[in-house]
N, C-alpha and C. Protein backbone atom coordinates (compact mmCIF):
# COMPACT_ATOMS: atom_id res chain seq x y z
N MET A 1 -52.23 44.53 -1.14
CA MET A 1 -51.18 44.61 -0.12
C MET A 1 -49.92 43.92 -0.63
N SER A 2 -48.79 44.56 -0.45
CA SER A 2 -47.53 44.00 -0.92
C SER A 2 -47.11 42.82 -0.04
N THR A 3 -46.17 42.02 -0.58
CA THR A 3 -45.65 40.88 0.17
C THR A 3 -45.03 41.33 1.48
N GLU A 4 -44.24 42.43 1.41
CA GLU A 4 -43.58 42.92 2.62
C GLU A 4 -44.60 43.35 3.67
N ASP A 5 -45.68 44.00 3.23
CA ASP A 5 -46.71 44.45 4.16
C ASP A 5 -47.41 43.26 4.81
N SER A 6 -47.75 42.25 3.98
CA SER A 6 -48.44 41.08 4.54
C SER A 6 -47.52 40.30 5.47
N ASP A 7 -46.22 40.24 5.12
CA ASP A 7 -45.25 39.59 6.01
C ASP A 7 -45.16 40.33 7.34
N ALA A 8 -45.13 41.66 7.27
CA ALA A 8 -45.01 42.48 8.48
C ALA A 8 -46.19 42.23 9.42
N LEU A 9 -47.38 42.10 8.83
CA LEU A 9 -48.57 41.83 9.65
C LEU A 9 -48.48 40.46 10.32
N LEU A 10 -48.00 39.47 9.56
CA LEU A 10 -47.85 38.13 10.12
C LEU A 10 -46.80 38.12 11.22
N VAL A 11 -45.69 38.84 11.00
CA VAL A 11 -44.63 38.93 12.00
C VAL A 11 -45.18 39.54 13.29
N GLU A 12 -45.97 40.60 13.16
CA GLU A 12 -46.57 41.24 14.34
C GLU A 12 -47.44 40.24 15.11
N ARG A 13 -48.20 39.44 14.37
CA ARG A 13 -49.06 38.44 15.02
C ARG A 13 -48.22 37.39 15.74
N VAL A 14 -47.11 36.96 15.10
CA VAL A 14 -46.22 35.98 15.73
C VAL A 14 -45.65 36.56 17.02
N GLN A 15 -45.23 37.81 16.96
CA GLN A 15 -44.63 38.45 18.13
C GLN A 15 -45.64 38.63 19.27
N ARG A 16 -46.94 38.56 18.93
CA ARG A 16 -47.98 38.62 19.96
C ARG A 16 -48.37 37.21 20.43
N GLY A 17 -47.66 36.20 19.90
CA GLY A 17 -47.90 34.82 20.36
C GLY A 17 -48.77 33.98 19.45
N ASP A 18 -49.04 34.44 18.24
CA ASP A 18 -49.89 33.71 17.29
C ASP A 18 -49.03 32.70 16.51
N VAL A 19 -49.06 31.44 16.93
CA VAL A 19 -48.26 30.40 16.28
C VAL A 19 -48.74 30.13 14.86
N LYS A 20 -50.05 30.22 14.64
CA LYS A 20 -50.62 29.99 13.30
C LYS A 20 -50.02 30.96 12.28
N ALA A 21 -49.77 32.18 12.70
CA ALA A 21 -49.20 33.18 11.79
C ALA A 21 -47.80 32.75 11.35
N PHE A 22 -47.04 32.17 12.27
CA PHE A 22 -45.71 31.69 11.90
C PHE A 22 -45.81 30.51 10.94
N GLU A 23 -46.78 29.64 11.17
CA GLU A 23 -46.99 28.50 10.27
C GLU A 23 -47.28 28.99 8.86
N MET A 24 -47.99 30.11 8.75
CA MET A 24 -48.28 30.68 7.43
C MET A 24 -46.99 31.16 6.75
N LEU A 25 -46.09 31.75 7.54
CA LEU A 25 -44.80 32.19 6.99
C LEU A 25 -43.97 30.99 6.55
N VAL A 26 -44.02 29.91 7.33
CA VAL A 26 -43.29 28.69 6.96
C VAL A 26 -43.80 28.15 5.63
N VAL A 27 -45.12 28.04 5.52
CA VAL A 27 -45.73 27.54 4.28
C VAL A 27 -45.32 28.42 3.09
N LYS A 28 -45.31 29.72 3.32
CA LYS A 28 -45.01 30.67 2.25
C LYS A 28 -43.56 30.54 1.75
N TYR A 29 -42.62 30.34 2.69
CA TYR A 29 -41.20 30.41 2.31
C TYR A 29 -40.43 29.09 2.38
N GLN A 30 -41.10 28.01 2.76
CA GLN A 30 -40.37 26.75 2.94
C GLN A 30 -39.66 26.29 1.67
N ARG A 31 -40.36 26.30 0.55
CA ARG A 31 -39.76 25.82 -0.70
C ARG A 31 -38.58 26.69 -1.12
N ARG A 32 -38.71 27.99 -0.97
CA ARG A 32 -37.62 28.90 -1.36
C ARG A 32 -36.40 28.70 -0.46
N VAL A 33 -36.65 28.51 0.82
CA VAL A 33 -35.54 28.28 1.76
C VAL A 33 -34.87 26.94 1.44
N GLU A 34 -35.66 25.91 1.18
CA GLU A 34 -35.09 24.60 0.86
C GLU A 34 -34.29 24.66 -0.45
N ARG A 35 -34.79 25.42 -1.41
CA ARG A 35 -34.07 25.55 -2.68
C ARG A 35 -32.72 26.25 -2.47
N LEU A 36 -32.73 27.29 -1.66
CA LEU A 36 -31.48 27.99 -1.35
C LEU A 36 -30.49 27.06 -0.65
N ILE A 37 -30.95 26.36 0.36
CA ILE A 37 -30.08 25.45 1.11
C ILE A 37 -29.58 24.33 0.21
N GLY A 38 -30.46 23.86 -0.69
CA GLY A 38 -30.08 22.80 -1.62
C GLY A 38 -28.94 23.18 -2.54
N ARG A 39 -28.76 24.47 -2.75
CA ARG A 39 -27.64 24.96 -3.57
C ARG A 39 -26.33 24.97 -2.78
N MET A 40 -26.47 24.91 -1.46
CA MET A 40 -25.28 24.94 -0.61
C MET A 40 -24.92 23.54 -0.11
N VAL A 41 -25.94 22.72 0.12
CA VAL A 41 -25.74 21.38 0.68
C VAL A 41 -26.38 20.37 -0.28
N ARG A 42 -25.60 19.38 -0.70
CA ARG A 42 -26.08 18.49 -1.75
C ARG A 42 -26.90 17.30 -1.24
N ASP A 43 -26.88 17.02 0.05
CA ASP A 43 -27.61 15.87 0.60
C ASP A 43 -29.05 16.27 0.85
N VAL A 44 -29.99 15.60 0.18
CA VAL A 44 -31.40 16.00 0.23
C VAL A 44 -31.95 15.88 1.65
N ASP A 45 -31.49 14.88 2.43
CA ASP A 45 -31.97 14.73 3.81
C ASP A 45 -31.49 15.88 4.67
N LEU A 46 -30.25 16.31 4.46
CA LEU A 46 -29.71 17.43 5.21
C LEU A 46 -30.46 18.72 4.90
N VAL A 47 -30.87 18.89 3.64
CA VAL A 47 -31.58 20.10 3.23
C VAL A 47 -32.83 20.29 4.09
N GLN A 48 -33.58 19.22 4.27
CA GLN A 48 -34.81 19.30 5.06
C GLN A 48 -34.50 19.57 6.53
N ASP A 49 -33.46 18.94 7.04
CA ASP A 49 -33.06 19.16 8.44
C ASP A 49 -32.64 20.62 8.66
N ILE A 50 -31.84 21.13 7.72
CA ILE A 50 -31.35 22.51 7.85
C ILE A 50 -32.49 23.50 7.72
N ALA A 51 -33.42 23.23 6.82
CA ALA A 51 -34.59 24.11 6.66
C ALA A 51 -35.40 24.14 7.96
N GLN A 52 -35.59 22.97 8.56
CA GLN A 52 -36.33 22.90 9.82
C GLN A 52 -35.61 23.69 10.91
N GLU A 53 -34.29 23.52 10.99
CA GLU A 53 -33.50 24.25 11.98
C GLU A 53 -33.56 25.76 11.72
N THR A 54 -33.57 26.13 10.43
CA THR A 54 -33.68 27.55 10.06
C THR A 54 -34.95 28.17 10.61
N PHE A 55 -36.07 27.48 10.41
CA PHE A 55 -37.35 28.03 10.88
C PHE A 55 -37.44 28.02 12.41
N LEU A 56 -36.83 27.02 13.05
CA LEU A 56 -36.79 27.00 14.51
C LEU A 56 -36.02 28.21 15.04
N ARG A 57 -34.85 28.46 14.43
CA ARG A 57 -34.04 29.62 14.83
C ARG A 57 -34.80 30.93 14.58
N ALA A 58 -35.48 30.99 13.44
CA ALA A 58 -36.23 32.20 13.12
C ALA A 58 -37.34 32.43 14.14
N TYR A 59 -38.02 31.35 14.53
CA TYR A 59 -39.11 31.47 15.49
C TYR A 59 -38.59 31.97 16.84
N ARG A 60 -37.44 31.40 17.27
CA ARG A 60 -36.85 31.81 18.55
C ARG A 60 -36.39 33.27 18.51
N ALA A 61 -35.90 33.68 17.32
CA ALA A 61 -35.36 35.05 17.20
C ALA A 61 -36.43 36.08 16.86
N MET A 62 -37.64 35.62 16.59
CA MET A 62 -38.70 36.54 16.14
C MET A 62 -38.92 37.74 17.07
N PRO A 63 -38.84 37.56 18.41
CA PRO A 63 -39.04 38.73 19.27
C PRO A 63 -38.03 39.85 19.01
N LYS A 64 -36.86 39.49 18.47
CA LYS A 64 -35.82 40.49 18.22
C LYS A 64 -35.93 41.12 16.84
N PHE A 65 -36.81 40.56 15.98
CA PHE A 65 -36.94 41.10 14.62
C PHE A 65 -37.64 42.45 14.66
N ARG A 66 -36.95 43.47 14.12
CA ARG A 66 -37.47 44.85 14.20
C ARG A 66 -37.96 45.39 12.86
N GLY A 67 -37.87 44.57 11.82
CA GLY A 67 -38.35 45.03 10.52
C GLY A 67 -37.42 45.97 9.80
N ASP A 68 -36.12 45.98 10.20
CA ASP A 68 -35.15 46.84 9.49
C ASP A 68 -34.92 46.36 8.06
N SER A 69 -35.15 45.08 7.82
CA SER A 69 -35.07 44.51 6.47
C SER A 69 -36.35 43.73 6.21
N ALA A 70 -36.54 43.31 4.96
CA ALA A 70 -37.70 42.48 4.64
C ALA A 70 -37.59 41.16 5.41
N PHE A 71 -38.73 40.58 5.77
CA PHE A 71 -38.71 39.35 6.56
C PHE A 71 -37.94 38.24 5.86
N TYR A 72 -38.18 38.05 4.53
CA TYR A 72 -37.51 36.93 3.87
C TYR A 72 -36.01 37.16 3.72
N THR A 73 -35.57 38.43 3.66
CA THR A 73 -34.14 38.70 3.64
C THR A 73 -33.51 38.27 4.97
N TRP A 74 -34.19 38.61 6.04
CA TRP A 74 -33.76 38.20 7.39
C TRP A 74 -33.74 36.69 7.51
N LEU A 75 -34.79 36.04 6.97
CA LEU A 75 -34.90 34.59 7.03
C LEU A 75 -33.80 33.92 6.21
N TYR A 76 -33.50 34.48 5.02
CA TYR A 76 -32.46 33.91 4.18
C TYR A 76 -31.10 33.99 4.87
N ARG A 77 -30.88 35.08 5.60
CA ARG A 77 -29.60 35.21 6.30
C ARG A 77 -29.48 34.10 7.35
N ILE A 78 -30.57 33.82 8.04
CA ILE A 78 -30.58 32.73 9.03
C ILE A 78 -30.33 31.39 8.33
N ALA A 79 -30.96 31.19 7.16
CA ALA A 79 -30.79 29.94 6.41
C ALA A 79 -29.34 29.75 5.98
N VAL A 80 -28.72 30.82 5.46
CA VAL A 80 -27.33 30.75 5.02
C VAL A 80 -26.41 30.42 6.20
N ASN A 81 -26.62 31.10 7.32
CA ASN A 81 -25.78 30.87 8.50
C ASN A 81 -25.97 29.46 9.06
N THR A 82 -27.22 28.97 9.04
CA THR A 82 -27.50 27.62 9.53
C THR A 82 -26.84 26.58 8.63
N ALA A 83 -26.93 26.78 7.32
CA ALA A 83 -26.29 25.86 6.37
C ALA A 83 -24.78 25.86 6.55
N LYS A 84 -24.20 27.04 6.74
CA LYS A 84 -22.75 27.14 6.96
C LYS A 84 -22.34 26.35 8.20
N LYS A 85 -23.14 26.46 9.26
CA LYS A 85 -22.85 25.75 10.52
C LYS A 85 -22.87 24.24 10.28
N PHE A 86 -23.88 23.75 9.55
CA PHE A 86 -23.97 22.33 9.25
C PHE A 86 -22.77 21.87 8.42
N LEU A 87 -22.37 22.70 7.43
CA LEU A 87 -21.24 22.34 6.58
C LEU A 87 -19.94 22.26 7.39
N LEU A 88 -19.76 23.19 8.32
CA LEU A 88 -18.58 23.16 9.19
C LEU A 88 -18.57 21.90 10.04
N GLU A 89 -19.73 21.52 10.56
CA GLU A 89 -19.82 20.31 11.37
C GLU A 89 -19.54 19.07 10.54
N LEU A 90 -19.97 19.09 9.27
CA LEU A 90 -19.70 17.97 8.37
C LEU A 90 -18.20 17.79 8.14
N LYS A 91 -17.51 18.93 8.01
CA LYS A 91 -16.07 18.88 7.78
C LYS A 91 -15.34 18.30 8.99
N ARG A 92 -15.86 18.64 10.18
CA ARG A 92 -15.24 18.14 11.40
C ARG A 92 -15.56 16.66 11.60
N ASP A 93 -16.76 16.25 11.22
CA ASP A 93 -17.21 14.87 11.41
C ASP A 93 -17.82 14.37 10.10
N PRO A 94 -16.98 14.02 9.12
CA PRO A 94 -17.48 13.69 7.78
C PRO A 94 -18.14 12.32 7.70
N THR A 95 -19.29 12.18 8.36
CA THR A 95 -19.99 10.89 8.35
C THR A 95 -20.83 10.72 7.09
N VAL A 96 -21.00 11.80 6.34
CA VAL A 96 -21.76 11.72 5.09
C VAL A 96 -20.81 11.36 3.96
N SER A 97 -21.13 10.30 3.24
CA SER A 97 -20.24 9.84 2.17
C SER A 97 -20.27 10.79 0.99
N GLU A 98 -19.20 10.73 0.20
CA GLU A 98 -19.09 11.61 -0.97
C GLU A 98 -20.21 11.33 -1.96
N SER A 99 -20.56 10.04 -2.11
CA SER A 99 -21.60 9.69 -3.08
C SER A 99 -22.96 10.25 -2.66
N SER A 100 -23.24 10.23 -1.35
CA SER A 100 -24.54 10.74 -0.90
C SER A 100 -24.62 12.25 -1.02
N LEU A 101 -23.46 12.92 -1.05
CA LEU A 101 -23.47 14.37 -1.24
C LEU A 101 -23.93 14.73 -2.64
N ARG A 102 -23.74 13.83 -3.59
CA ARG A 102 -24.23 14.08 -4.95
C ARG A 102 -25.65 13.55 -5.01
N SER A 103 -26.58 14.30 -4.46
CA SER A 103 -27.94 13.82 -4.28
C SER A 103 -28.72 13.83 -5.59
N LYS A 104 -29.90 13.22 -5.50
CA LYS A 104 -30.76 13.19 -6.69
C LYS A 104 -31.24 14.58 -7.05
N ASP A 105 -31.21 15.51 -6.09
CA ASP A 105 -31.57 16.89 -6.39
C ASP A 105 -30.71 17.45 -7.51
N ASP A 106 -29.44 17.03 -7.51
CA ASP A 106 -28.51 17.51 -8.52
C ASP A 106 -29.00 17.10 -9.91
N ASP A 107 -29.43 15.82 -10.01
CA ASP A 107 -29.94 15.34 -11.29
C ASP A 107 -31.24 16.04 -11.66
N ASP A 108 -32.10 16.26 -10.65
CA ASP A 108 -33.36 16.96 -10.92
C ASP A 108 -33.10 18.36 -11.43
N GLU A 109 -32.15 19.04 -10.78
CA GLU A 109 -31.82 20.42 -11.17
C GLU A 109 -31.26 20.44 -12.58
N THR A 110 -30.39 19.46 -12.88
CA THR A 110 -29.82 19.37 -14.23
C THR A 110 -30.93 19.16 -15.25
N SER A 111 -31.88 18.28 -14.91
CA SER A 111 -32.97 18.01 -15.84
C SER A 111 -33.80 19.26 -16.07
N ARG A 112 -34.06 20.01 -14.97
CA ARG A 112 -34.85 21.24 -15.15
C ARG A 112 -34.11 22.23 -16.04
N THR A 113 -32.79 22.34 -15.81
CA THR A 113 -32.00 23.28 -16.61
C THR A 113 -32.00 22.84 -18.07
N GLU A 114 -31.87 21.53 -18.28
CA GLU A 114 -31.88 21.02 -19.65
C GLU A 114 -33.20 21.37 -20.33
N ASN A 115 -34.30 21.17 -19.61
CA ASN A 115 -35.61 21.46 -20.20
C ASN A 115 -35.74 22.94 -20.55
N GLU A 116 -35.22 23.79 -19.67
CA GLU A 116 -35.30 25.23 -19.92
C GLU A 116 -34.45 25.63 -21.12
N LEU A 117 -33.28 24.97 -21.24
CA LEU A 117 -32.36 25.36 -22.30
C LEU A 117 -32.74 24.76 -23.66
N SER A 118 -33.45 23.66 -23.62
CA SER A 118 -33.73 22.94 -24.87
C SER A 118 -34.73 23.72 -25.72
N ASP A 119 -34.25 24.22 -26.87
CA ASP A 119 -35.14 25.01 -27.73
C ASP A 119 -35.45 24.27 -29.02
N ALA A 120 -35.02 23.06 -29.13
CA ALA A 120 -35.32 22.24 -30.31
C ALA A 120 -35.28 20.79 -29.91
N SER A 121 -35.95 19.93 -30.69
CA SER A 121 -36.06 18.54 -30.28
C SER A 121 -35.09 17.63 -31.05
N THR A 122 -34.19 18.21 -31.83
CA THR A 122 -33.24 17.38 -32.57
C THR A 122 -32.24 16.78 -31.59
N PRO A 123 -31.71 15.61 -31.87
CA PRO A 123 -30.71 15.00 -30.98
C PRO A 123 -29.51 15.91 -30.74
N GLU A 124 -29.08 16.63 -31.78
CA GLU A 124 -27.92 17.52 -31.65
C GLU A 124 -28.21 18.65 -30.66
N ALA A 125 -29.42 19.24 -30.78
CA ALA A 125 -29.80 20.34 -29.89
C ALA A 125 -29.93 19.85 -28.45
N GLU A 126 -30.52 18.66 -28.29
CA GLU A 126 -30.68 18.10 -26.94
C GLU A 126 -29.33 17.80 -26.31
N LEU A 127 -28.41 17.27 -27.12
CA LEU A 127 -27.07 16.97 -26.61
C LEU A 127 -26.35 18.25 -26.20
N ALA A 128 -26.48 19.29 -27.05
CA ALA A 128 -25.84 20.57 -26.75
C ALA A 128 -26.42 21.17 -25.47
N SER A 129 -27.74 21.09 -25.31
CA SER A 129 -28.39 21.62 -24.12
C SER A 129 -27.92 20.86 -22.87
N LYS A 130 -27.81 19.54 -23.02
CA LYS A 130 -27.37 18.73 -21.89
C LYS A 130 -25.94 19.09 -21.48
N GLU A 131 -25.09 19.27 -22.49
CA GLU A 131 -23.69 19.64 -22.21
C GLU A 131 -23.61 20.99 -21.51
N ILE A 132 -24.40 21.95 -21.98
CA ILE A 132 -24.39 23.29 -21.39
C ILE A 132 -24.92 23.25 -19.96
N ALA A 133 -26.03 22.50 -19.75
CA ALA A 133 -26.60 22.39 -18.40
C ALA A 133 -25.60 21.78 -17.43
N THR A 134 -24.92 20.73 -17.89
CA THR A 134 -23.92 20.07 -17.05
C THR A 134 -22.77 21.02 -16.75
N ALA A 135 -22.36 21.77 -17.77
CA ALA A 135 -21.26 22.72 -17.60
C ALA A 135 -21.63 23.84 -16.63
N VAL A 136 -22.87 24.33 -16.73
CA VAL A 136 -23.34 25.39 -15.82
C VAL A 136 -23.32 24.89 -14.38
N ASN A 137 -23.90 23.69 -14.17
CA ASN A 137 -23.93 23.12 -12.82
C ASN A 137 -22.53 22.92 -12.27
N ALA A 138 -21.63 22.40 -13.11
CA ALA A 138 -20.25 22.17 -12.69
C ALA A 138 -19.56 23.49 -12.35
N ALA A 139 -19.83 24.51 -13.17
CA ALA A 139 -19.21 25.82 -12.95
C ALA A 139 -19.70 26.44 -11.64
N VAL A 140 -20.99 26.32 -11.36
CA VAL A 140 -21.54 26.86 -10.11
C VAL A 140 -20.95 26.11 -8.92
N GLU A 141 -20.87 24.78 -9.04
CA GLU A 141 -20.32 23.97 -7.95
C GLU A 141 -18.86 24.32 -7.68
N ALA A 142 -18.13 24.69 -8.72
CA ALA A 142 -16.70 24.97 -8.59
C ALA A 142 -16.41 26.34 -7.96
N LEU A 143 -17.43 27.18 -7.87
CA LEU A 143 -17.23 28.52 -7.30
C LEU A 143 -16.94 28.42 -5.80
N SER A 144 -16.26 29.44 -5.29
CA SER A 144 -16.06 29.52 -3.84
C SER A 144 -17.43 29.74 -3.19
N GLU A 145 -17.52 29.46 -1.91
CA GLU A 145 -18.80 29.53 -1.20
C GLU A 145 -19.45 30.92 -1.33
N ASP A 146 -18.66 31.98 -1.16
CA ASP A 146 -19.21 33.34 -1.22
C ASP A 146 -19.74 33.68 -2.61
N LEU A 147 -18.97 33.28 -3.64
CA LEU A 147 -19.41 33.57 -5.01
C LEU A 147 -20.66 32.77 -5.35
N ARG A 148 -20.68 31.51 -4.92
CA ARG A 148 -21.84 30.65 -5.23
C ARG A 148 -23.10 31.20 -4.56
N GLN A 149 -22.99 31.60 -3.30
CA GLN A 149 -24.15 32.16 -2.60
C GLN A 149 -24.67 33.41 -3.32
N ALA A 150 -23.76 34.28 -3.70
CA ALA A 150 -24.17 35.54 -4.34
C ALA A 150 -24.88 35.28 -5.67
N ILE A 151 -24.33 34.41 -6.50
CA ILE A 151 -24.92 34.17 -7.83
C ILE A 151 -26.25 33.42 -7.71
N VAL A 152 -26.36 32.52 -6.73
CA VAL A 152 -27.61 31.79 -6.51
C VAL A 152 -28.71 32.74 -6.02
N LEU A 153 -28.37 33.60 -5.08
CA LEU A 153 -29.37 34.55 -4.57
C LEU A 153 -29.83 35.49 -5.67
N ARG A 154 -28.91 35.86 -6.57
CA ARG A 154 -29.26 36.79 -7.65
C ARG A 154 -30.01 36.09 -8.79
N GLU A 155 -29.42 35.02 -9.34
CA GLU A 155 -29.95 34.42 -10.56
C GLU A 155 -31.05 33.39 -10.31
N ILE A 156 -30.95 32.66 -9.19
CA ILE A 156 -31.95 31.62 -8.92
C ILE A 156 -33.11 32.19 -8.08
N GLU A 157 -32.75 32.93 -7.02
CA GLU A 157 -33.79 33.44 -6.13
C GLU A 157 -34.32 34.81 -6.55
N GLY A 158 -33.57 35.52 -7.40
CA GLY A 158 -34.07 36.79 -7.93
C GLY A 158 -34.03 37.95 -6.95
N LEU A 159 -33.15 37.87 -5.93
CA LEU A 159 -33.04 38.95 -4.97
C LEU A 159 -32.33 40.14 -5.60
N SER A 160 -32.63 41.35 -5.09
CA SER A 160 -31.94 42.56 -5.53
C SER A 160 -30.55 42.60 -4.89
N TYR A 161 -29.68 43.48 -5.40
CA TYR A 161 -28.34 43.62 -4.82
C TYR A 161 -28.44 44.04 -3.35
N GLU A 162 -29.40 44.91 -3.05
CA GLU A 162 -29.57 45.37 -1.67
C GLU A 162 -29.97 44.22 -0.76
N GLU A 163 -30.89 43.37 -1.25
CA GLU A 163 -31.35 42.23 -0.44
C GLU A 163 -30.23 41.21 -0.24
N ILE A 164 -29.42 41.01 -1.29
CA ILE A 164 -28.30 40.07 -1.17
C ILE A 164 -27.29 40.60 -0.16
N ALA A 165 -27.02 41.90 -0.23
CA ALA A 165 -26.08 42.52 0.72
C ALA A 165 -26.58 42.32 2.14
N GLU A 166 -27.88 42.46 2.33
CA GLU A 166 -28.48 42.26 3.65
C GLU A 166 -28.36 40.81 4.08
N ALA A 167 -28.69 39.88 3.16
CA ALA A 167 -28.66 38.45 3.48
C ALA A 167 -27.24 37.95 3.76
N MET A 168 -26.26 38.48 3.02
CA MET A 168 -24.87 38.03 3.17
C MET A 168 -24.07 38.90 4.14
N ASN A 169 -24.74 39.94 4.64
CA ASN A 169 -24.11 40.83 5.63
C ASN A 169 -22.79 41.43 5.10
N CYS A 170 -22.87 42.02 3.92
CA CYS A 170 -21.69 42.66 3.32
C CYS A 170 -22.14 43.85 2.47
N PRO A 171 -21.22 44.76 2.10
CA PRO A 171 -21.58 45.93 1.30
C PRO A 171 -22.08 45.55 -0.10
N ILE A 172 -22.90 46.43 -0.68
CA ILE A 172 -23.42 46.18 -2.04
C ILE A 172 -22.26 46.04 -3.03
N GLY A 173 -21.21 46.85 -2.87
CA GLY A 173 -20.06 46.77 -3.77
C GLY A 173 -19.44 45.38 -3.77
N THR A 174 -19.39 44.76 -2.60
CA THR A 174 -18.86 43.39 -2.50
C THR A 174 -19.77 42.41 -3.22
N VAL A 175 -21.08 42.61 -3.08
CA VAL A 175 -22.05 41.74 -3.77
C VAL A 175 -21.85 41.84 -5.28
N ARG A 176 -21.76 43.09 -5.79
CA ARG A 176 -21.58 43.29 -7.24
C ARG A 176 -20.29 42.61 -7.72
N SER A 177 -19.24 42.76 -6.94
CA SER A 177 -17.95 42.15 -7.29
C SER A 177 -18.06 40.63 -7.33
N ARG A 178 -18.72 40.06 -6.32
CA ARG A 178 -18.85 38.60 -6.27
C ARG A 178 -19.68 38.06 -7.43
N ILE A 179 -20.78 38.76 -7.74
CA ILE A 179 -21.63 38.31 -8.85
C ILE A 179 -20.88 38.44 -10.18
N PHE A 180 -20.14 39.53 -10.36
CA PHE A 180 -19.35 39.71 -11.57
C PHE A 180 -18.32 38.58 -11.71
N ARG A 181 -17.60 38.30 -10.61
CA ARG A 181 -16.57 37.26 -10.66
C ARG A 181 -17.19 35.88 -10.90
N ALA A 182 -18.35 35.65 -10.31
CA ALA A 182 -19.04 34.37 -10.52
C ALA A 182 -19.45 34.21 -11.98
N ARG A 183 -20.01 35.27 -12.56
CA ARG A 183 -20.43 35.21 -13.97
C ARG A 183 -19.23 34.99 -14.89
N GLU A 184 -18.11 35.67 -14.57
CA GLU A 184 -16.89 35.50 -15.37
C GLU A 184 -16.39 34.06 -15.31
N ALA A 185 -16.43 33.48 -14.11
CA ALA A 185 -15.95 32.11 -13.93
C ALA A 185 -16.85 31.12 -14.68
N ILE A 186 -18.17 31.34 -14.61
CA ILE A 186 -19.10 30.47 -15.33
C ILE A 186 -18.92 30.63 -16.83
N ALA A 187 -18.76 31.88 -17.27
CA ALA A 187 -18.55 32.15 -18.71
C ALA A 187 -17.29 31.46 -19.22
N ALA A 188 -16.24 31.49 -18.40
CA ALA A 188 -14.98 30.86 -18.81
C ALA A 188 -15.15 29.36 -19.01
N ARG A 189 -15.98 28.74 -18.15
CA ARG A 189 -16.23 27.31 -18.26
C ARG A 189 -17.11 26.99 -19.47
N LEU A 190 -18.00 27.94 -19.83
CA LEU A 190 -18.95 27.69 -20.93
C LEU A 190 -18.37 28.02 -22.30
N ARG A 191 -17.42 28.95 -22.32
CA ARG A 191 -16.92 29.46 -23.60
C ARG A 191 -16.48 28.37 -24.58
N PRO A 192 -15.70 27.37 -24.14
CA PRO A 192 -15.29 26.32 -25.09
C PRO A 192 -16.47 25.61 -25.73
N LEU A 193 -17.54 25.40 -24.95
CA LEU A 193 -18.73 24.76 -25.51
C LEU A 193 -19.44 25.67 -26.50
N LEU A 194 -19.62 26.94 -26.11
CA LEU A 194 -20.37 27.88 -26.94
C LEU A 194 -19.61 28.27 -28.20
N ASP A 195 -18.30 28.28 -28.13
CA ASP A 195 -17.49 28.64 -29.31
C ASP A 195 -17.64 27.63 -30.43
N THR A 196 -18.09 26.43 -30.08
CA THR A 196 -18.25 25.41 -31.12
C THR A 196 -19.59 25.51 -31.82
N ARG A 197 -20.44 26.43 -31.33
CA ARG A 197 -21.76 26.60 -31.93
C ARG A 197 -21.83 27.97 -32.62
N ASP A 198 -22.19 27.97 -33.86
CA ASP A 198 -22.17 29.20 -34.65
C ASP A 198 -23.06 30.27 -34.03
N GLY A 199 -22.44 31.43 -33.83
CA GLY A 199 -23.21 32.58 -33.34
C GLY A 199 -23.60 32.54 -31.89
N ALA A 200 -23.19 31.48 -31.18
CA ALA A 200 -23.58 31.37 -29.78
C ALA A 200 -22.78 32.37 -28.94
N ARG A 201 -23.46 32.96 -27.98
CA ARG A 201 -22.80 33.91 -27.09
C ARG A 201 -23.23 33.63 -25.65
N TRP A 202 -22.33 33.82 -24.71
CA TRP A 202 -22.69 33.70 -23.30
C TRP A 202 -23.21 35.05 -22.81
């Protein structure tokens, strides 16, 4: 049975009042939702709060879910909208300090990227990998909100263009444009680093 089919069965059970079925969906998608939100909101405590609010909203809205899209695409759209709402409230009432916005998740993510990029154990290779990882993270952070969401959903979450269009509530052409512009912006930030390494290409 495919993921979409098993999700559809769980959704049907939830709509009939089976709370356990919803708990199964939470367990299945909690980490992915938190990872997505973590790319939008840098405070680790806020990430968990927003994820919880996302699932609460999804549970309340479940009776209206008709299966026009995959369940997780629908859920991601709720997560994105919930995170946007929290970010707007933060701007109105900036009680979160700038330093706390640079959470330890950022360092963890950088470390993971460094480990993935590191293809040799020499100090030079490790330094180059660290510089590239830092540059990638900085480039993603510097993107506008729409571009960052599109590239994260595509490259980090692995969603299709159709699923991203559904999650971001925009045409596929807009998604393609945003991902292209995001990649160009990241490439522009990386080029000076890569040009110093023989044969390196972005």
